[in-house]
Amino acid sequence: MSKEQSVNLLPYEMNILMAAMNSLSLRDETKLNKEYGSVSALYNKIYSAWEKTGEKVVTSPAQFDPSY
């Protein structure tokens, strides 16, 4: 049985995750890499999915309106 799951994300949600990963300190990234797996591999996977959306990079929270 596969443990892989699919999650539907909006482009701005992918941007939030990529921005969070880019803001990790080297220490935190190293710790995550050791405990859970490659942060850069996850970033690349999200970035690849984001590229397929054809969206522009969200640079400001004012550019999107999350529907909470």
Protein backbone atom coordinates (compact mmCIF):
# COMPACT_ATOMS: atom_id res chain seq x y z
CA MET A 1 0.00 0.00 0.00
CA SER A 2 1.34 3.40 -1.02
CA LYS A 3 1.54 6.15 1.57
CA GLU A 4 1.69 8.88 -1.08
CA GLN A 5 -1.21 11.31 -0.93
CA SER A 6 -2.49 13.93 -3.34
CA VAL A 7 -3.25 17.41 -2.10
CA ASN A 8 -4.89 20.07 -4.26
CA LEU A 9 -3.17 23.42 -3.75
CA LEU A 10 -3.90 26.81 -5.26
CA PRO A 11 -0.94 28.65 -6.81
CA TYR A 12 -0.77 31.13 -3.92
CA GLU A 13 -0.67 28.23 -1.45
CA MET A 14 2.28 26.74 -3.34
CA ASN A 15 3.96 30.16 -3.19
CA ILE A 16 3.49 30.27 0.57
CA LEU A 17 5.13 26.86 0.97
CA MET A 18 8.02 27.77 -1.35
CA ALA A 19 8.55 31.09 0.45
CA ALA A 20 8.58 29.29 3.81
CA MET A 21 11.14 26.80 2.55
CA ASN A 22 13.29 29.61 1.14
CA SER A 23 13.27 31.39 4.49
CA LEU A 24 14.60 28.40 6.46
CA SER A 25 17.92 28.91 8.15
CA LEU A 26 20.70 26.53 7.16
CA ARG A 27 20.46 24.98 10.62
CA ASP A 28 16.72 24.34 10.30
CA GLU A 29 17.03 23.00 6.76
CA THR A 30 19.79 20.61 7.85
CA LYS A 31 17.68 19.40 10.76
CA LEU A 32 14.65 18.82 8.51
CA ASN A 33 16.81 17.02 5.96
CA LYS A 34 18.14 14.66 8.62
CA GLU A 35 14.80 14.01 10.33
CA TYR A 36 12.33 13.96 7.43
CA GLY A 37 14.03 14.10 4.04
CA SER A 38 15.24 16.59 1.48
CA VAL A 39 13.74 20.07 1.70
CA SER A 40 15.11 20.93 -1.74
CA ALA A 41 13.47 17.85 -3.30
CA LEU A 42 10.11 18.90 -1.84
CA TYR A 43 10.65 22.48 -3.02
CA ASN A 44 11.44 21.24 -6.53
CA LYS A 45 8.34 19.05 -6.56
CA ILE A 46 6.12 21.96 -5.53
CA TYR A 47 7.86 24.33 -7.96
CA SER A 48 7.35 21.88 -10.83
CA ALA A 49 3.62 21.69 -10.04
CA TRP A 50 3.45 25.48 -9.71
CA GLU A 51 5.09 25.97 -13.15
CA LYS A 52 2.26 23.96 -14.71
CA THR A 53 -0.28 26.47 -13.41
CA GLY A 54 1.11 29.25 -15.62
CA GLU A 55 0.68 31.70 -12.75
CA LYS A 56 3.00 34.54 -11.86
CA VAL A 57 4.85 34.47 -8.56
CA VAL A 58 2.82 36.06 -5.81
CA THR A 59 5.02 38.75 -4.32
CA SER A 60 2.59 40.28 -1.89
CA PRO A 61 -0.26 38.93 0.24
CA ALA A 62 -2.40 41.71 -1.25
CA GLN A 63 -2.24 39.91 -4.60
CA PHE A 64 -4.40 37.06 -3.41
CA ASP A 65 -7.55 36.79 -1.40
CA PRO A 66 -7.62 33.62 0.68
CA SER A 67 -11.15 32.46 1.30
CA TYR A 68 -11.24 31.60 4.97
